[in-house]
């Protein structure tokens, strides 16, 4: 019985060998595995593609190579006429090696078949550009940066990158920009398998200004993008800023000129064009309404130049200049004159710790969504701020729990200590105002709903209250700030 079984095995092996050796292996075509396109034949593909190699006498498969790169195959998907195999993602292409053979090679136990086949890559794709601080080097971000042959810029004169390098994942190029004045067109990356293009030069933008109501002679910081070759910072009235210092490609400092008498946007001019600030500069001059809640220029007026007061302190222009220099006139003061216990809430109004503003209209159309609006004001930190906070509440007197936001910029400062640095602009999106009496018992971060439209607010009165919602007592004098130019604006 054993002898018979042995003979059957030997006979089967001989038959199998004869079947494999029945003819020279031949590759006739390559097609897709997708049944909908199985009749589509092609002679090139991208590494990583799953394909079907068609032919004859392909049984006894031992190896498959794409441009001499070995591919894994599953014997269950290999017959004498079809081999299903995935092209290795790391297979060589002409982008990395111009001398690749551009062939598929199938090795069987009775011969080898080759087939002309090109492996190619998608063309370069550029998703974004950014500059180094010098403005002379550009970072080109994207994908498929293989086989780069040339990079060109839309500049006068020589338009080819002076030098460039590509990272190991082929997702970023660092290129040295050729000299010359740029004009609006496209930066182009030329590669073995195509060209990628991206609009150039990218726009210069202003995202924020450290003090939107900066007084003459003070230094402000302008934040944005692509501050390359900055030549001018233009203030309202077409007045030129002085002492321009470009800190980085995304930040500059400038001294506010004297003589500003109108409200307008701030503009920055440079090699890449002109950027305009999203908010008005020196809006306190015209205090546009609706929108302006108080400039604090008067102590007892009933319009948007004053405030109701209560325990809030008032600093006239002389007092502001002496104690909170660099402001735009008079201001209001919040000073914590007594200690606050842990989780005290707004219990220290008599310090003076509360400002109540007059009811001034926020917008003309109260059916508008609040989603793109913010509360802004300027503030001056007199002493290091590292404990306690300001609650900014909608409502009059003890109706503040309608909607409330929290202001404690020291929490994100270095070492959680906000040092005095002159007048700064605070921006609080209206979406940060939370609703509900539970605000007084729990953190604003987890309590309360958010308004949808301006009509959701029961009043336009706004209060500023010193408070403490932290589990530690706050020493006397921890909060000592001046506030000015409270306003509701579109954007941030």
Protein backbone atom coordinates (compact mmCIF):
# COMPACT_ATOMS: atom_id res chain seq x y z
CA UNK A 1 0.00 0.00 0.00
CA UNK A 2 2.82 2.39 0.88
CA UNK A 3 4.53 1.55 -2.40
CA UNK A 4 1.38 2.40 -4.38
CA UNK A 5 1.04 5.76 -2.61
CA UNK A 6 4.68 6.53 -3.30
CA UNK A 7 4.22 5.77 -6.99
CA UNK A 8 1.16 8.04 -7.13
CA UNK A 9 3.15 10.92 -5.61
CA UNK A 10 6.06 10.40 -8.00
CA UNK A 11 3.69 10.20 -10.97
CA UNK A 12 1.90 13.38 -9.89
CA UNK A 13 5.21 15.22 -9.49
CA UNK A 14 6.35 14.11 -12.92
CA UNK A 15 3.03 15.16 -14.43
CA UNK A 16 3.23 18.51 -12.68
CA UNK A 17 6.73 19.15 -13.96
CA UNK A 18 5.73 18.22 -17.44
CA UNK A 19 2.74 20.59 -17.18
CA UNK A 20 4.97 23.47 -16.01
CA UNK A 21 7.50 22.76 -18.71
CA UNK A 22 4.88 22.52 -21.42
CA UNK A 23 5.95 25.84 -22.97
CA UNK A 24 7.97 29.00 -22.61
CA UNK A 25 6.32 31.53 -20.23
CA UNK A 26 4.93 34.56 -22.04
CA UNK A 27 3.39 37.83 -20.75
CA UNK A 28 0.82 39.16 -23.19
CA UNK A 29 -0.86 42.03 -21.28
CA UNK A 30 -1.51 43.81 -17.98
CA UNK A 31 -4.99 44.76 -16.87
CA UNK A 32 -6.86 46.10 -13.86
CA UNK A 33 -8.38 43.85 -11.20
CA UNK A 34 -11.54 45.97 -11.23
CA UNK A 35 -14.26 43.90 -12.94
CA UNK A 36 -15.72 47.08 -14.44
CA UNK A 37 -12.47 47.81 -16.25
CA UNK A 38 -11.02 44.32 -16.60
CA UNK A 39 -10.88 44.69 -20.38
CA UNK A 40 -8.76 47.86 -20.07
CA UNK A 41 -5.14 47.05 -20.81
CA UNK A 42 -2.31 49.39 -19.91
CA UNK A 43 1.45 49.61 -20.18
CA UNK A 44 2.18 51.83 -17.16
CA UNK A 45 1.04 52.12 -13.56
CA UNK A 46 1.85 53.79 -10.25
CA UNK A 47 3.77 51.82 -7.59
CA UNK A 48 1.33 50.29 -5.14
CA UNK A 49 -1.26 49.43 -7.82
CA UNK A 50 -2.90 45.98 -7.77
CA UNK A 51 -2.76 44.48 -11.27
CA UNK A 52 -3.33 41.27 -13.25
CA UNK A 53 -0.46 39.96 -15.38
CA UNK A 54 -1.90 37.93 -18.26
CA UNK A 55 -0.10 35.39 -20.44
CA UNK A 56 0.57 31.72 -20.99
CA UNK A 57 2.67 29.04 -19.33
CA UNK A 58 3.00 31.07 -16.13
CA UNK A 59 2.55 28.13 -13.76
CA UNK A 60 5.33 27.18 -11.38
CA UNK A 61 5.76 30.83 -10.42
CA UNK A 62 8.84 31.59 -8.35
CA UNK A 63 9.27 35.40 -8.47
CA UNK A 64 7.90 38.64 -9.92
CA UNK A 65 10.03 41.76 -10.41
CA UNK A 66 9.06 45.34 -11.32
CA UNK A 67 12.10 47.30 -12.46
CA UNK A 68 14.20 44.66 -10.65
CA UNK A 69 12.28 45.26 -7.40
CA UNK A 70 10.89 42.01 -6.03
CA UNK A 71 7.14 41.86 -5.46
CA UNK A 72 5.30 39.67 -2.99
CA UNK A 73 2.77 37.31 -4.57
CA UNK A 74 0.24 34.84 -3.19
CA UNK A 75 0.49 31.47 -5.00
CA UNK A 76 -3.28 31.10 -4.62
CA UNK A 77 -3.68 34.00 -7.06
CA UNK A 78 -1.23 32.70 -9.64
CA UNK A 79 -2.29 30.39 -12.51
CA UNK A 80 -0.77 29.47 -15.84
CA UNK A 81 -2.61 32.42 -17.47
CA UNK A 82 -3.08 35.07 -14.74
CA UNK A 83 -1.04 36.45 -11.84
CA UNK A 84 -2.67 38.90 -9.43
CA UNK A 85 0.06 40.96 -7.77
CA UNK A 86 0.56 44.39 -6.22
CA UNK A 87 3.37 46.54 -7.56
CA UNK A 88 5.71 47.30 -4.63
CA UNK A 89 5.18 50.80 -3.30
CA UNK A 90 8.94 51.22 -3.19
CA UNK A 91 9.60 49.95 -6.70
CA UNK A 92 12.16 51.97 -8.64
CA UNK A 93 10.97 54.60 -11.10
CA UNK A 94 12.77 56.82 -13.53
CA UNK A 95 12.30 59.68 -11.06
CA UNK A 96 14.93 58.18 -8.78
CA UNK A 97 16.91 56.16 -11.31
CA UNK A 98 16.77 57.16 -15.00
CA UNK A 99 18.35 53.81 -15.92
CA UNK A 100 15.55 51.57 -14.64
CA UNK A 101 14.75 48.77 -17.15
CA UNK A 102 11.00 49.58 -17.26
CA UNK A 103 10.05 45.90 -17.32
CA UNK A 104 8.02 43.30 -15.53
CA UNK A 105 9.93 40.04 -15.08
CA UNK A 106 8.15 36.79 -14.19
CA UNK A 107 10.36 33.88 -13.11
CA UNK A 108 8.93 30.32 -13.23
CA UNK A 109 10.48 26.93 -12.63
CA UNK A 110 10.73 26.46 -16.37
CA UNK A 111 11.75 29.89 -17.65
CA UNK A 112 11.51 33.66 -17.43
CA UNK A 113 9.20 36.12 -19.20
CA UNK A 114 9.73 39.89 -19.53
CA UNK A 115 7.32 42.60 -20.56
CA UNK A 116 7.89 46.31 -21.26
CA UNK A 117 6.09 48.24 -18.54
CA UNK A 118 6.59 51.74 -17.14
CA UNK A 119 6.29 52.66 -13.49
CA UNK A 120 5.46 56.33 -13.10
CA UNK A 121 4.52 58.72 -10.31
CA UNK A 122 1.75 61.31 -10.01
CA UNK A 123 2.96 64.82 -10.84
CA UNK A 124 4.13 67.06 -7.97
CA UNK A 125 1.30 68.49 -5.89
CA UNK A 126 1.85 71.78 -4.03
CA UNK A 127 -0.44 72.54 -1.08
CA UNK A 128 1.16 75.59 0.57
CA UNK A 129 4.13 77.96 0.63
CA UNK A 130 5.88 79.73 3.48
CA UNK A 131 9.05 81.77 3.86
CA UNK A 132 11.95 81.78 6.27
CA UNK A 133 12.56 84.93 8.29
CA UNK A 134 14.92 86.33 5.68
CA UNK A 135 12.31 86.11 2.94
CA UNK A 136 14.95 84.62 0.65
CA UNK A 137 14.04 80.97 1.15
CA UNK A 138 10.66 79.40 0.48
CA UNK A 139 9.26 76.18 1.92
CA UNK A 140 7.21 74.36 -0.70
CA UNK A 141 4.85 71.86 0.94
CA UNK A 142 2.98 69.07 -0.83
CA UNK A 143 3.62 65.56 -2.15
CA UNK A 144 5.28 63.56 -4.94
CA UNK A 145 8.42 65.70 -4.96
CA UNK A 146 10.50 63.01 -6.66
CA UNK A 147 12.64 63.38 -9.73
CA UNK A 148 12.72 67.18 -9.47
CA UNK A 149 14.48 68.71 -12.47
CA UNK A 150 13.83 72.43 -12.01
CA UNK A 151 11.95 74.98 -9.89
CA UNK A 152 10.96 78.34 -11.37
CA UNK A 153 9.55 81.55 -9.89
CA UNK A 154 7.65 84.37 -11.59
CA UNK A 155 10.35 86.98 -11.10
CA UNK A 156 12.10 89.34 -13.46
CA UNK A 157 15.44 88.07 -14.81
CA UNK A 158 16.68 84.62 -13.87
CA UNK A 159 13.63 82.67 -12.73
CA UNK A 160 15.24 79.40 -11.62
CA UNK A 161 15.74 78.52 -7.94
CA UNK A 162 19.34 79.21 -6.94
CA UNK A 163 19.38 75.95 -4.98
CA UNK A 164 16.95 73.49 -3.49
CA UNK A 165 16.70 70.36 -1.37
CA UNK A 166 13.96 67.76 -0.89
CA UNK A 167 13.18 65.95 2.35
CA UNK A 168 13.24 62.15 2.66
CA UNK A 169 9.45 61.77 2.42
CA UNK A 170 9.28 63.93 -0.72
CA UNK A 171 6.74 66.26 0.94
CA UNK A 172 8.76 69.46 1.28
CA UNK A 173 11.20 71.40 -0.87
CA UNK A 174 13.38 74.15 0.57
CA UNK A 175 14.30 76.46 -2.30
CA UNK A 176 16.42 79.60 -2.53
CA UNK A 177 14.46 82.30 -4.34
CA UNK A 178 16.22 83.96 -7.29
CA UNK A 179 16.62 87.74 -7.12
CA UNK A 180 14.19 89.87 -9.06
CA UNK A 181 10.83 91.57 -8.62
CA UNK A 182 8.02 89.00 -8.39
CA UNK A 183 4.92 89.29 -10.55
CA UNK A 184 1.63 87.46 -10.20
CA UNK A 185 1.83 84.02 -11.81
CA UNK A 186 2.79 80.55 -10.57
CA UNK A 187 5.73 78.93 -8.90
CA UNK A 188 6.40 75.70 -10.79
CA UNK A 189 8.07 72.45 -9.76
CA UNK A 190 9.19 70.40 -12.76
CA UNK A 191 9.68 66.66 -12.24
CA UNK A 192 10.20 63.51 -14.28
CA UNK A 193 6.49 62.73 -14.42
CA UNK A 194 4.90 66.17 -14.57
CA UNK A 195 4.78 69.69 -13.22
CA UNK A 196 3.18 71.14 -10.08
CA UNK A 197 2.14 74.80 -9.91
CA UNK A 198 1.06 77.14 -7.13
CA UNK A 199 0.00 80.79 -7.19
CA UNK A 200 2.95 83.07 -6.50
CA UNK A 201 3.74 85.29 -4.78
CA UNK A 202 1.54 84.27 -1.84
CA UNK A 203 -0.35 87.19 -0.31
CA UNK A 204 0.95 89.09 2.67
CA UNK A 205 -1.70 89.18 5.40
CA UNK A 206 -2.35 90.88 8.75
CA UNK A 207 -4.09 88.71 11.31
CA UNK A 208 -3.94 90.94 14.39
CA UNK A 209 -2.46 94.10 15.91
CA UNK A 210 -1.31 94.10 19.52
CA UNK A 211 -2.99 97.45 20.23
CA UNK A 212 -5.66 98.56 17.78
CA UNK A 213 -5.90 101.94 19.49
CA UNK A 214 -2.21 102.62 19.85
CA UNK A 215 -1.25 106.14 20.87
CA UNK A 216 1.38 108.21 19.07
CA UNK A 217 4.91 107.23 20.00
CA UNK A 218 4.01 103.77 21.28
CA UNK A 219 5.32 100.59 19.69
CA UNK A 220 2.80 98.05 18.45
CA UNK A 221 3.25 94.51 17.14
CA UNK A 222 1.64 93.45 13.87
CA UNK A 223 1.06 89.72 13.33
CA UNK A 224 0.39 88.07 9.99
CA UNK A 225 2.08 86.15 7.22
CA UNK A 226 4.73 86.70 4.57
CA UNK A 227 6.23 89.96 5.81
CA UNK A 228 8.90 89.89 3.11
CA UNK A 229 10.75 93.03 2.05
CA UNK A 230 8.52 95.31 4.16
CA UNK A 231 9.05 98.93 3.17
CA UNK A 232 6.13 100.80 4.77
CA UNK A 233 3.54 100.55 7.53
CA UNK A 234 0.75 103.01 6.75
CA UNK A 235 -1.57 104.35 9.45
CA UNK A 236 -4.92 106.19 9.06
CA UNK A 237 -4.55 109.43 7.16
CA UNK A 238 -1.77 107.87 5.05
CA UNK A 239 0.74 108.54 7.82
CA UNK A 240 3.94 106.50 7.85
CA UNK A 241 4.95 104.42 10.84
CA UNK A 242 8.57 104.66 11.96
CA UNK A 243 11.18 102.32 13.42
CA UNK A 244 9.92 99.30 11.51
CA UNK A 245 11.48 96.14 12.87
CA UNK A 246 10.65 92.87 11.10
CA UNK A 247 10.91 90.31 13.89
CA UNK A 248 10.07 87.35 11.68
CA UNK A 249 8.29 86.58 8.46
CA UNK A 250 5.08 86.56 10.53
CA UNK A 251 5.62 89.50 12.87
CA UNK A 252 6.86 93.09 12.87
CA UNK A 253 6.96 96.07 15.23
CA UNK A 254 6.42 99.71 14.37
CA UNK A 255 6.10 103.04 16.18
CA UNK A 256 2.73 104.78 15.84
CA UNK A 257 3.10 108.22 14.20
CA UNK A 258 1.62 111.41 15.61
CA UNK A 259 -1.18 113.33 13.96
CA UNK A 260 -3.72 110.55 13.40
CA UNK A 261 -7.16 112.19 13.25
CA UNK A 262 -9.22 109.61 11.37
CA UNK A 263 -10.14 105.97 11.78
CA UNK A 264 -9.03 103.53 9.10
CA UNK A 265 -7.31 100.21 8.54
CA UNK A 266 -3.58 99.78 9.04
CA UNK A 267 -1.64 98.64 5.95
CA UNK A 268 1.73 96.96 5.44
CA UNK A 269 3.57 97.25 2.12
CA UNK A 270 6.31 94.89 1.00
CA UNK A 271 7.75 92.93 -1.88
CA UNK A 272 4.70 90.67 -1.95
CA UNK A 273 2.15 93.48 -2.10
CA UNK A 274 -0.01 95.23 0.49
CA UNK A 275 -1.79 93.71 3.49
CA UNK A 276 -4.72 95.40 5.25
CA UNK A 277 -5.63 94.90 8.89
CA UNK A 278 -8.96 93.16 9.49
CA UNK A 279 -9.96 95.72 12.14
CA UNK A 280 -9.98 99.51 12.17
CA UNK A 281 -7.05 101.30 13.79
CA UNK A 282 -7.73 104.14 16.25
CA UNK A 283 -11.47 103.46 16.20
CA UNK A 284 -11.78 105.41 19.46
CA UNK A 285 -11.58 108.61 17.41
CA UNK A 286 -14.95 108.05 15.75
CA UNK A 287 -16.31 105.32 18.13
CA UNK A 288 -18.67 103.99 15.42
CA UNK A 289 -22.14 103.07 16.57
CA UNK A 290 -23.72 100.61 16.82
CA UNK A 291 -20.82 98.65 18.17
CA UNK A 292 -18.94 100.98 20.51
CA UNK A 293 -19.92 100.47 24.14
CA UNK A 294 -17.61 102.94 25.88
CA UNK A 295 -14.49 105.06 25.43
CA UNK A 296 -14.59 106.16 29.12
CA UNK A 297 -13.87 109.76 28.11
CA UNK A 298 -16.52 110.97 30.53
CA UNK A 299 -17.41 109.67 33.96
CA UNK A 300 -21.14 110.24 34.21
CA UNK A 301 -22.48 110.63 30.66
CA UNK A 302 -25.23 108.30 29.48
CA UNK A 303 -23.79 107.46 26.03
CA UNK A 304 -20.90 105.36 24.74
CA UNK A 305 -18.31 107.79 26.10
CA UNK A 306 -18.97 106.82 29.70
CA UNK A 307 -20.16 104.13 32.13
CA UNK A 308 -22.63 103.79 34.96
CA UNK A 309 -19.76 103.01 37.28
CA UNK A 310 -20.75 101.66 40.69
CA UNK A 311 -17.52 100.38 42.28
CA UNK A 312 -15.45 100.68 39.13
CA UNK A 313 -12.67 103.21 39.37
CA UNK A 314 -12.27 106.08 36.94
CA UNK A 315 -8.96 107.45 35.67
CA UNK A 316 -9.21 110.74 33.82
CA UNK A 317 -6.71 111.50 31.06
CA UNK A 318 -4.10 112.90 33.44
CA UNK A 319 -4.43 109.95 35.83
CA UNK A 320 -4.32 107.45 32.97
CA UNK A 321 -1.21 109.09 31.53
CA UNK A 322 0.50 109.02 34.91
CA UNK A 323 -0.45 105.48 35.97
CA UNK A 324 -1.29 103.68 32.72
CA UNK A 325 0.86 105.51 30.12
CA UNK A 326 0.35 105.19 26.38
CA UNK A 327 -3.45 105.23 26.44
CA UNK A 328 -5.88 107.19 24.31
CA UNK A 329 -7.41 109.41 26.97
CA UNK A 330 -9.34 108.49 30.11
CA UNK A 331 -9.95 104.90 31.18
CA UNK A 332 -11.72 102.72 33.73
CA UNK A 333 -9.89 100.83 36.47
CA UNK A 334 -10.41 97.44 38.07
CA UNK A 335 -8.38 97.11 41.28
CA UNK A 336 -8.68 94.25 43.73
CA UNK A 337 -8.37 95.92 47.12
CA UNK A 338 -9.06 92.94 49.35
CA UNK A 339 -8.29 89.21 49.27
CA UNK A 340 -10.59 86.75 47.51
CA UNK A 341 -11.26 83.31 48.88
CA UNK A 342 -11.21 80.09 46.87
CA UNK A 343 -14.01 79.80 44.32
CA UNK A 344 -15.23 83.19 45.43
CA UNK A 345 -17.01 84.26 42.28
CA UNK A 346 -17.61 88.00 41.80
CA UNK A 347 -17.62 88.84 45.49
CA UNK A 348 -15.16 91.72 45.56
CA UNK A 349 -17.07 94.53 43.91
CA UNK A 350 -16.11 97.06 46.55
CA UNK A 351 -12.42 97.14 45.70
CA UNK A 352 -13.27 98.79 43.12
CA UNK A 353 -13.99 95.55 41.32
CA UNK A 354 -16.99 96.19 39.07
CA UNK A 355 -17.66 98.32 36.01
CA UNK A 356 -21.16 98.66 34.64
CA UNK A 357 -21.49 100.15 31.13
CA UNK A 358 -24.39 102.06 29.68
CA UNK A 359 -26.74 100.06 27.41
CA UNK A 360 -25.44 100.79 23.90
CA UNK A 361 -26.56 98.99 20.71
CA UNK A 362 -24.25 96.23 19.49
CA UNK A 363 -25.49 95.82 15.92
CA UNK A 364 -28.20 97.35 13.77
CA UNK A 365 -29.78 93.99 12.89
CA UNK A 366 -30.26 91.79 15.96
CA UNK A 367 -31.25 88.82 13.77
CA UNK A 368 -27.61 88.45 12.77
CA UNK A 369 -25.66 85.42 13.97
CA UNK A 370 -23.07 86.10 16.65
CA UNK A 371 -20.68 83.51 15.19
CA UNK A 372 -18.42 86.02 13.48
CA UNK A 373 -18.43 88.75 16.13
CA UNK A 374 -16.19 89.52 19.09
CA UNK A 375 -15.98 91.80 22.11
CA UNK A 376 -12.79 93.87 22.05
CA UNK A 377 -11.18 96.28 24.47
CA UNK A 378 -7.75 97.61 25.38
CA UNK A 379 -6.27 96.77 28.76
CA UNK A 380 -3.17 97.79 30.72
CA UNK A 381 -1.70 95.45 33.35
CA UNK A 382 -0.22 97.59 36.11
CA UNK A 383 1.48 94.83 38.11
CA UNK A 384 2.31 91.19 37.41
CA UNK A 385 -0.97 89.32 36.97
CA UNK A 386 -0.91 85.68 38.08
CA UNK A 387 -4.16 85.07 39.97
CA UNK A 388 -7.79 86.11 39.81
CA UNK A 389 -9.74 86.98 36.69
CA UNK A 390 -12.26 89.29 35.12
CA UNK A 391 -15.77 88.08 34.35
CA UNK A 392 -17.40 90.03 31.53
CA UNK A 393 -21.14 89.71 31.90
CA UNK A 394 -24.17 90.71 29.85
CA UNK A 395 -26.88 92.22 32.02
CA UNK A 396 -27.48 95.03 34.49
CA UNK A 397 -26.64 94.94 38.16
CA UNK A 398 -27.49 91.47 39.50
CA UNK A 399 -28.71 90.20 36.12
CA UNK A 400 -25.19 89.43 34.94
CA UNK A 401 -25.64 85.68 34.86
CA UNK A 402 -27.47 85.99 31.53
CA UNK A 403 -24.30 85.46 29.44
CA UNK A 404 -20.78 85.64 30.83
CA UNK A 405 -17.20 85.21 29.58
CA UNK A 406 -13.97 84.89 31.52
CA UNK A 407 -10.78 86.90 30.95
CA UNK A 408 -7.54 85.65 32.52
CA UNK A 409 -4.71 86.09 29.98
CA UNK A 410 -2.08 85.32 32.63
CA UNK A 411 -3.00 81.63 32.40
CA UNK A 412 -1.42 81.36 28.94
CA UNK A 413 1.55 83.64 29.69
CA UNK A 414 5.07 82.38 30.28
CA UNK A 415 5.22 80.84 33.74
CA UNK A 416 1.56 81.80 34.14
CA UNK A 417 2.63 85.35 34.96
CA UNK A 418 1.50 88.21 32.73
CA UNK A 419 4.03 91.02 32.99
CA UNK A 420 3.18 94.70 32.38
CA UNK A 421 3.77 95.49 28.69
CA UNK A 422 1.72 98.58 27.92
CA UNK A 423 -1.72 98.73 26.38
CA UNK A 424 -2.89 95.59 24.59
CA UNK A 425 -6.05 94.68 22.68
CA UNK A 426 -8.16 91.84 24.08
CA UNK A 427 -10.41 89.84 21.78
CA UNK A 428 -13.15 87.58 23.12
CA UNK A 429 -15.39 85.87 20.53
CA UNK A 430 -19.05 86.14 21.49
CA UNK A 431 -19.23 82.36 21.22
CA UNK A 432 -17.24 82.24 24.48
CA UNK A 433 -20.09 83.89 26.40
CA UNK A 434 -21.95 81.19 28.35
CA UNK A 435 -25.49 81.35 29.68
CA UNK A 436 -27.05 80.31 32.96
CA UNK A 437 -26.97 80.87 36.72
CA UNK A 438 -24.91 77.71 37.06
CA UNK A 439 -22.00 79.82 35.82
CA UNK A 440 -21.54 81.11 39.34
CA UNK A 441 -21.16 77.62 40.78
CA UNK A 442 -19.19 75.83 38.06
CA UNK A 443 -16.47 76.56 35.57
CA UNK A 444 -17.47 78.58 32.52
CA UNK A 445 -15.67 75.96 30.46
CA UNK A 446 -18.32 73.33 31.13
CA UNK A 447 -21.50 75.24 31.87
CA UNK A 448 -24.08 77.17 29.96
CA UNK A 449 -25.42 77.41 26.44
CA UNK A 450 -24.18 79.80 23.77
CA UNK A 451 -26.35 82.44 22.13
CA UNK A 452 -27.17 82.04 18.45
CA UNK A 453 -28.32 85.50 17.42
CA UNK A 454 -27.92 88.95 18.93
CA UNK A 455 -31.61 88.91 19.76
CA UNK A 456 -30.90 86.10 22.25
CA UNK A 457 -29.25 88.57 24.62
CA UNK A 458 -31.81 90.14 27.00
CA UNK A 459 -29.91 93.44 27.14
CA UNK A 460 -26.90 95.24 25.74
CA UNK A 461 -25.58 96.29 29.15
CA UNK A 462 -22.16 94.84 29.92
CA UNK A 463 -20.38 94.54 33.26
CA UNK A 464 -16.72 93.82 34.12
CA UNK A 465 -16.32 92.04 37.48
CA UNK A 466 -13.23 90.90 39.39
CA UNK A 467 -13.73 87.27 40.41
CA UNK A 468 -12.02 84.05 41.42
CA UNK A 469 -13.23 80.61 40.33
CA UNK A 470 -10.01 78.81 41.24
CA UNK A 471 -9.54 76.51 44.26
CA UNK A 472 -7.02 78.85 45.89
CA UNK A 473 -7.33 82.22 47.57
CA UNK A 474 -6.20 85.31 45.67
CA UNK A 475 -4.06 87.86 47.57
CA UNK A 476 -4.94 91.54 47.70
CA UNK A 477 -3.81 93.52 44.65
CA UNK A 478 -3.52 90.50 42.35
CA UNK A 479 -5.72 92.26 39.78
CA UNK A 480 -4.82 95.84 38.85
CA UNK A 481 -5.72 96.78 35.29
CA UNK A 482 -7.10 99.69 33.31
CA UNK A 483 -9.67 99.15 30.53
CA UNK A 484 -10.59 101.30 27.55
CA UNK A 485 -12.49 101.32 24.24
CA UNK A 486 -14.99 98.51 24.77
CA UNK A 487 -16.59 97.50 21.46
CA UNK A 488 -18.38 94.78 19.50
CA UNK A 489 -16.83 94.13 16.09
CA UNK A 490 -17.24 91.69 13.24
CA UNK A 491 -14.36 89.22 13.03
CA UNK A 492 -11.47 88.84 15.43
